[in-house]
Amino acid sequence: MTRSTWVRAGVLLAAMAMAGCGGAKVGESSSGGGSGDCGDFNIAINPWVGYEANAAVLAYVAETELGCTVTKKDLKEEVAWQGFGTGEVDAVVENWGHDDLRKKYIDEQKTAVSAGSTGVEGQIGWYVPPWLAEKYPDITDWNNLNKYADMFRTSESGAQGQLLDGDPSFVTNDEALVKNLNLNYKVVYGGSETALIQAFRQAEANKTPVIGYFYSPQWLFAEIELVKVDLPKYTAGCDADPEKIACDYPDYDLDKIVSKKFADAGGPAYQLVKNFQWTNDDQNEVAKSIAEDKLSPEAAAKKWVDANKDKIQAWLPKS
């Protein structure tokens, strides 16, 4: 090969590398399905569909636009954070506060860092179905909950009213709240987001009583306008001691947490995660496609990405 041929080949390879990992326009990437310079990208999947929506869209864009080899790992929240230090997890793509985990893994072990806000605003609380709030308007004031406790008794709660929670790994202060507000209730864990949704749906359809933990963003609110119970107002520091909490949950700016090694490398997948932001409505749209319309996460992501290419363009690494 002549010198001029080597030069032309070098220029061509450099151009290809730049196109593969920086500034590509949506739909123009020549790499995909695991080829290219992005390398491996390990995303934790926490057990609620809003999180799954975030992960589905990020994974789809990483694969189709950046050529990453994406591996999704179904993990509870704290287990996912443990994976930062072992190299098993690169990113947690929706974090609900977790000051305890931040202290342990960001401040002390220094294996994780924040990659900024997702743009999604989260809220946790106690909810009742619309029919119940309409029939008993004062039930949405926590001060009145004890007079309705017998209505919520179940075989699991015994002589107390049942406060239905979801997965025990979710962020919850409910056991402390019940104790510190002197409520005649017992927290019963349904085990999953699906169990909560089913309970609220059945309660509204059959006009049966239920009170439970729930959160937004959540696509179910478009179907059933669950009514939030007013707990004592949240003030800064009122939840500092987990055992003494007697106030409502704060509003959450849901952020992304990544391994420090992943962030320090600064590769295309990290840049994508860092740039990723969307709205509550965006997330609910994809989440509904997965949970209610029964699309695969990949199909739900493709549907949303195809309709929002301008938003995707803003997330892609710049050359």
Protein backbone atom coordinates (compact mmCIF):
# COMPACT_ATOMS: atom_id res chain seq x y z
CA MET A 1 0.00 0.00 0.00
CA THR A 2 1.40 3.43 -0.96
CA ARG A 3 1.84 6.29 1.52
CA SER A 4 -1.04 8.24 -0.06
CA THR A 5 -3.31 5.21 0.30
CA TRP A 6 -2.37 4.91 3.99
CA VAL A 7 -3.19 8.59 4.52
CA ARG A 8 -6.56 8.27 2.80
CA ALA A 9 -7.34 5.17 4.86
CA GLY A 10 -6.38 6.96 8.08
CA VAL A 11 -8.64 9.90 7.28
CA LEU A 12 -11.50 7.55 6.45
CA LEU A 13 -11.11 5.61 9.71
CA ALA A 14 -11.01 8.84 11.73
CA ALA A 15 -14.17 10.06 10.04
CA MET A 16 -15.90 6.76 10.72
CA ALA A 17 -14.93 6.90 14.39
CA MET A 18 -16.27 10.43 14.73
CA ALA A 19 -19.55 9.47 13.07
CA GLY A 20 -19.93 6.41 15.29
CA CYS A 21 -19.57 8.14 18.65
CA GLY A 22 -20.19 11.83 18.36
CA GLY A 23 -22.90 14.06 17.01
CA ALA A 24 -24.73 11.49 14.89
CA LYS A 25 -28.25 12.50 13.97
CA VAL A 26 -31.16 10.30 14.96
CA GLY A 27 -31.65 7.56 12.41
CA GLU A 28 -28.29 8.17 10.71
CA SER A 29 -26.07 5.95 12.85
CA SER A 30 -24.29 3.30 10.83
CA SER A 31 -23.71 1.21 13.94
CA GLY A 32 -26.30 -0.68 15.92
CA GLY A 33 -27.18 -3.77 17.86
CA GLY A 34 -23.88 -3.88 19.71
CA SER A 35 -21.33 -2.83 17.09
CA GLY A 36 -19.32 0.37 17.20
CA ASP A 37 -17.10 2.12 19.75
CA CYS A 38 -19.57 2.49 22.60
CA GLY A 39 -18.78 -0.85 24.21
CA ASP A 40 -20.75 -2.49 27.00
CA PHE A 41 -23.48 -0.61 28.85
CA ASN A 42 -25.02 -2.25 31.94
CA ILE A 43 -28.33 -0.77 33.10
CA ALA A 44 -30.03 -1.78 36.35
CA ILE A 45 -33.79 -2.35 36.06
CA ASN A 46 -35.63 -1.50 39.27
CA PRO A 47 -39.11 -3.01 39.74
CA TRP A 48 -41.58 -0.34 38.61
CA VAL A 49 -42.74 0.49 35.12
CA GLY A 50 -41.78 4.18 35.17
CA TYR A 51 -38.19 3.16 35.74
CA GLU A 52 -38.53 0.52 33.03
CA ALA A 53 -39.72 3.23 30.63
CA ASN A 54 -36.58 5.32 31.28
CA ALA A 55 -34.36 2.28 30.81
CA ALA A 56 -36.15 1.09 27.68
CA VAL A 57 -35.70 4.38 25.86
CA LEU A 58 -32.09 4.81 26.95
CA ALA A 59 -31.25 1.24 25.95
CA TYR A 60 -32.94 1.61 22.56
CA VAL A 61 -31.09 4.84 21.78
CA ALA A 62 -27.79 3.44 23.06
CA GLU A 63 -28.11 0.40 20.81
CA THR A 64 -29.49 2.00 17.66
CA GLU A 65 -27.67 5.33 17.70
CA LEU A 66 -24.41 4.63 19.54
CA GLY A 67 -23.84 0.95 18.84
CA CYS A 68 -23.64 0.01 22.52
CA THR A 69 -23.97 -3.56 23.72
CA VAL A 70 -26.68 -3.09 26.34
CA THR A 71 -27.33 -5.50 29.19
CA LYS A 72 -30.36 -4.95 31.43
CA LYS A 73 -30.18 -6.40 34.94
CA ASP A 74 -33.30 -6.83 37.09
CA LEU A 75 -32.19 -5.62 40.51
CA LYS A 76 -33.71 -4.13 43.65
CA GLU A 77 -32.59 -0.61 44.42
CA GLU A 78 -29.82 -1.16 46.99
CA VAL A 79 -28.51 -4.24 45.17
CA ALA A 80 -28.16 -2.10 42.05
CA TRP A 81 -26.07 0.46 43.95
CA GLN A 82 -23.81 -2.33 45.21
CA GLY A 83 -23.09 -3.15 41.57
CA PHE A 84 -21.33 0.18 41.01
CA GLY A 85 -18.30 -0.99 42.96
CA THR A 86 -18.12 -4.41 41.33
CA GLY A 87 -18.49 -3.12 37.79
CA GLU A 88 -21.74 -5.04 37.27
CA VAL A 89 -23.86 -1.87 37.00
CA ASP A 90 -23.09 1.29 35.07
CA ALA A 91 -26.31 3.22 35.63
CA VAL A 92 -29.42 3.51 37.78
CA VAL A 93 -31.69 5.64 35.63
CA GLU A 94 -34.34 6.73 38.16
CA ASN A 95 -33.39 7.35 41.77
CA TRP A 96 -35.95 8.35 44.41
CA GLY A 97 -33.90 10.27 46.97
CA HIS A 98 -32.10 7.54 48.90
CA ASP A 99 -29.99 9.76 51.13
CA ASP A 100 -28.79 6.61 52.88
CA LEU A 101 -27.44 5.09 49.68
CA ARG A 102 -25.95 8.40 48.56
CA LYS A 103 -24.02 8.65 51.80
CA LYS A 104 -22.77 5.07 51.58
CA TYR A 105 -21.86 4.78 47.90
CA ILE A 106 -21.20 8.39 46.82
CA ASP A 107 -19.73 10.01 49.94
CA GLU A 108 -18.08 7.09 51.73
CA GLN A 109 -17.21 4.36 49.22
CA LYS A 110 -16.92 6.83 46.32
CA THR A 111 -18.09 4.22 43.81
CA ALA A 112 -21.00 6.27 42.46
CA VAL A 113 -21.82 9.80 41.30
CA SER A 114 -24.98 11.62 40.26
CA ALA A 115 -25.49 12.13 36.53
CA GLY A 116 -28.11 14.83 37.00
CA SER A 117 -31.87 15.08 36.87
CA THR A 118 -34.10 12.96 34.66
CA GLY A 119 -36.46 15.92 34.43
CA VAL A 120 -39.15 13.83 36.11
CA GLU A 121 -40.77 15.05 39.33
CA GLY A 122 -41.81 12.33 41.76
CA GLN A 123 -44.32 12.27 44.59
CA ILE A 124 -45.13 9.51 47.08
CA GLY A 125 -48.17 9.41 49.32
CA TRP A 126 -51.23 7.57 50.58
CA TYR A 127 -54.21 7.32 48.26
CA VAL A 128 -57.82 6.16 48.22
CA PRO A 129 -60.07 5.43 45.22
CA PRO A 130 -62.33 8.26 44.01
CA TRP A 131 -65.59 6.65 45.14
CA LEU A 132 -64.31 6.43 48.72
CA ALA A 133 -63.24 10.08 48.86
CA GLU A 134 -66.59 11.12 47.43
CA LYS A 135 -68.61 9.10 49.95
CA TYR A 136 -66.41 10.01 52.94
CA PRO A 137 -64.89 13.43 52.14
CA ASP A 138 -63.05 13.74 55.45
CA ILE A 139 -61.17 10.49 54.91
CA THR A 140 -58.48 12.41 53.05
CA ASP A 141 -57.41 14.11 56.31
CA TRP A 142 -55.05 11.84 58.24
CA ASN A 143 -56.59 13.05 61.51
CA ASN A 144 -59.77 11.15 60.62
CA LEU A 145 -58.21 7.87 59.53
CA ASN A 146 -58.65 6.06 62.85
CA LYS A 147 -62.42 6.38 62.74
CA TYR A 148 -62.37 4.51 59.43
CA ALA A 149 -59.81 1.87 60.44
CA ASP A 150 -62.37 -0.93 60.81
CA MET A 151 -63.44 -0.39 57.20
CA PHE A 152 -59.95 -1.33 56.01
CA ARG A 153 -59.48 -4.47 58.10
CA THR A 154 -58.30 -7.56 56.21
CA SER A 155 -57.15 -11.05 57.13
CA GLU A 156 -53.56 -9.79 56.86
CA SER A 157 -54.07 -6.75 59.10
CA GLY A 158 -56.16 -8.46 61.79
CA ALA A 159 -57.85 -6.05 64.20
CA GLN A 160 -56.23 -3.03 62.54
CA GLY A 161 -56.91 -1.30 59.27
CA GLN A 162 -54.72 -2.31 56.35
CA LEU A 163 -52.40 0.23 54.73
CA LEU A 164 -51.37 -1.43 51.49
CA ASP A 165 -47.77 -0.92 50.37
CA GLY A 166 -45.99 -2.26 47.30
CA ASP A 167 -42.58 -3.87 47.02
CA PRO A 168 -40.74 -3.76 50.38
CA SER A 169 -37.68 -2.41 48.55
CA PHE A 170 -39.51 0.77 47.51
CA VAL A 171 -38.79 4.05 49.32
CA THR A 172 -41.31 4.03 52.16
CA ASN A 173 -41.72 5.65 55.57
CA ASP A 174 -45.10 4.08 56.17
CA GLU A 175 -44.36 1.89 59.18
CA ALA A 176 -42.83 4.86 61.00
CA LEU A 177 -45.73 7.10 59.97
CA VAL A 178 -48.35 4.67 61.26
CA LYS A 179 -46.52 4.37 64.57
CA ASN A 180 -45.68 8.03 65.10
CA LEU A 181 -49.11 9.32 64.06
CA ASN A 182 -50.75 6.77 66.40
CA LEU A 183 -52.82 5.27 63.62
CA ASN A 184 -54.68 2.00 64.14
CA TYR A 185 -53.31 0.52 60.93
CA LYS A 186 -50.87 -2.16 59.88
CA VAL A 187 -48.65 -1.85 56.82
CA VAL A 188 -49.18 -4.87 54.56
CA TYR A 189 -46.87 -5.33 51.58
CA GLY A 190 -48.64 -6.33 48.39
CA GLY A 191 -45.26 -7.17 46.89
CA SER A 192 -45.24 -5.19 43.66
CA GLU A 193 -46.43 -2.20 41.68
CA THR A 194 -48.80 -4.52 39.82
CA ALA A 195 -50.44 -5.55 43.09
CA LEU A 196 -51.06 -1.91 44.00
CA ILE A 197 -52.58 -1.14 40.60
CA GLN A 198 -54.82 -4.19 40.75
CA ALA A 199 -55.99 -3.30 44.27
CA PHE A 200 -56.93 0.27 43.32
CA ARG A 201 -58.64 -0.85 40.12
CA GLN A 202 -60.72 -3.47 41.91
CA ALA A 203 -61.59 -1.06 44.72
CA GLU A 204 -62.90 1.54 42.29
CA ALA A 205 -64.75 -0.97 40.11
CA ASN A 206 -66.37 -2.86 43.01
CA LYS A 207 -66.74 0.09 45.40
CA THR A 208 -64.67 -1.66 48.06
CA PRO A 209 -62.43 0.23 50.50
CA VAL A 210 -58.67 0.37 50.14
CA ILE A 211 -56.02 2.82 51.27
CA GLY A 212 -52.50 2.45 50.05
CA TYR A 213 -49.09 3.73 49.12
CA PHE A 214 -48.76 5.06 45.59
CA TYR A 215 -46.74 7.55 43.59
CA SER A 216 -46.50 9.70 40.52
CA PRO A 217 -45.58 9.76 37.73
CA GLN A 218 -47.82 6.78 37.13
CA TRP A 219 -49.87 6.07 34.03
CA LEU A 220 -52.78 4.75 36.16
CA PHE A 221 -53.76 8.31 37.16
CA ALA A 222 -55.03 8.85 33.60
CA GLU A 223 -57.48 6.00 34.20
CA ILE A 224 -58.37 6.46 37.87
CA GLU A 225 -58.07 9.81 39.63
CA LEU A 226 -56.86 8.46 42.94
CA VAL A 227 -57.22 10.93 45.81
CA LYS A 228 -54.25 11.74 48.01
CA VAL A 229 -54.56 11.68 51.79
CA ASP A 230 -53.23 14.82 53.47
CA LEU A 231 -50.50 13.82 55.90
CA PRO A 232 -48.73 16.35 58.17
CA LYS A 233 -46.94 18.80 55.89
CA TYR A 234 -43.38 18.01 54.91
CA THR A 235 -40.77 20.46 56.16
CA ALA A 236 -37.02 20.30 55.62
CA GLY A 237 -35.47 17.88 58.08
CA CYS A 238 -38.71 16.31 59.31
CA ASP A 239 -37.57 12.98 57.88
CA ALA A 240 -33.99 13.17 59.17
CA ASP A 241 -34.51 10.38 61.70
CA PRO A 242 -36.21 7.44 59.93
CA GLU A 243 -37.65 6.10 63.17
CA LYS A 244 -39.27 9.41 64.14
CA ILE A 245 -40.82 10.43 60.82
CA ALA A 246 -44.29 11.94 61.29
CA CYS A 247 -44.61 14.03 58.12
CA ASP A 248 -45.53 13.61 54.48
CA TYR A 249 -43.04 12.62 51.81
CA PRO A 250 -41.03 15.34 50.06
CA ASP A 251 -41.27 16.10 46.38
CA TYR A 252 -38.50 14.29 44.53
CA ASP A 253 -36.35 15.52 41.66
CA LEU A 254 -35.64 12.08 40.25
CA ASP A 255 -32.04 11.77 39.17
CA LYS A 256 -29.65 9.30 37.57
CA ILE A 257 -26.83 7.59 39.46
CA VAL A 258 -23.85 6.05 37.68
CA SER A 259 -20.68 4.28 38.69
CA LYS A 260 -17.72 6.61 39.16
CA LYS A 261 -15.64 4.48 36.82
CA PHE A 262 -18.31 4.78 34.12
CA ALA A 263 -18.48 8.56 34.59
CA ASP A 264 -14.71 9.03 34.64
CA ALA A 265 -14.39 7.12 31.35
CA GLY A 266 -16.76 9.66 29.80
CA GLY A 267 -17.80 7.37 26.96
CA PRO A 268 -20.80 7.74 24.65
CA ALA A 269 -23.15 5.79 26.92
CA TYR A 270 -22.27 8.00 29.89
CA GLN A 271 -22.83 11.13 27.81
CA LEU A 272 -26.23 9.77 26.76
CA VAL A 273 -27.26 9.09 30.36
CA LYS A 274 -26.00 12.48 31.51
CA ASN A 275 -27.92 14.29 28.74
CA PHE A 276 -31.11 12.25 29.17
CA GLN A 277 -34.07 14.34 30.33
CA TRP A 278 -37.77 14.08 29.65
CA THR A 279 -41.10 14.85 31.33
CA ASN A 280 -43.60 13.03 33.51
CA ASP A 281 -45.92 12.83 30.50
CA ASP A 282 -43.17 11.33 28.35
CA GLN A 283 -42.52 8.64 30.92
CA ASN A 284 -46.20 7.89 31.43
CA GLU A 285 -46.67 7.46 27.68
CA VAL A 286 -43.97 4.81 27.42
CA ALA A 287 -44.95 3.18 30.73
CA LYS A 288 -48.56 2.82 29.57
CA SER A 289 -47.39 1.25 26.31
CA ILE A 290 -45.51 -1.36 28.34
CA ALA A 291 -47.93 -2.01 31.21
CA GLU A 292 -51.34 -1.48 29.65
CA ASP A 293 -50.88 -1.82 25.89
CA LYS A 294 -48.58 -4.83 26.38
CA LEU A 295 -45.85 -3.67 24.02
CA SER A 296 -42.38 -5.00 24.69
CA PRO A 297 -40.07 -2.40 26.26
CA GLU A 298 -38.16 -2.26 22.97
CA ALA A 299 -41.31 -1.70 20.92
CA ALA A 300 -42.59 0.92 23.36
CA ALA A 301 -39.26 2.72 23.21
CA LYS A 302 -39.16 2.64 19.40
CA LYS A 303 -42.69 4.03 19.20
CA TRP A 304 -41.80 6.97 21.43
CA VAL A 305 -38.39 7.61 19.86
CA ASP A 306 -39.85 7.64 16.34
CA ALA A 307 -42.27 10.37 17.44
CA ASN A 308 -39.70 12.42 19.39
CA LYS A 309 -36.52 12.51 17.35
CA ASP A 310 -35.86 16.14 18.23
CA LYS A 311 -35.66 15.25 21.92
CA ILE A 312 -33.37 12.31 21.21
CA GLN A 313 -31.03 14.52 19.21
CA ALA A 314 -30.39 16.64 22.30
CA TRP A 315 -29.26 13.57 24.25
CA LEU A 316 -26.68 12.30 21.78
CA PRO A 317 -22.98 12.93 22.46
CA LYS A 318 -21.59 15.93 20.63
CA SER A 319 -18.45 15.60 18.56
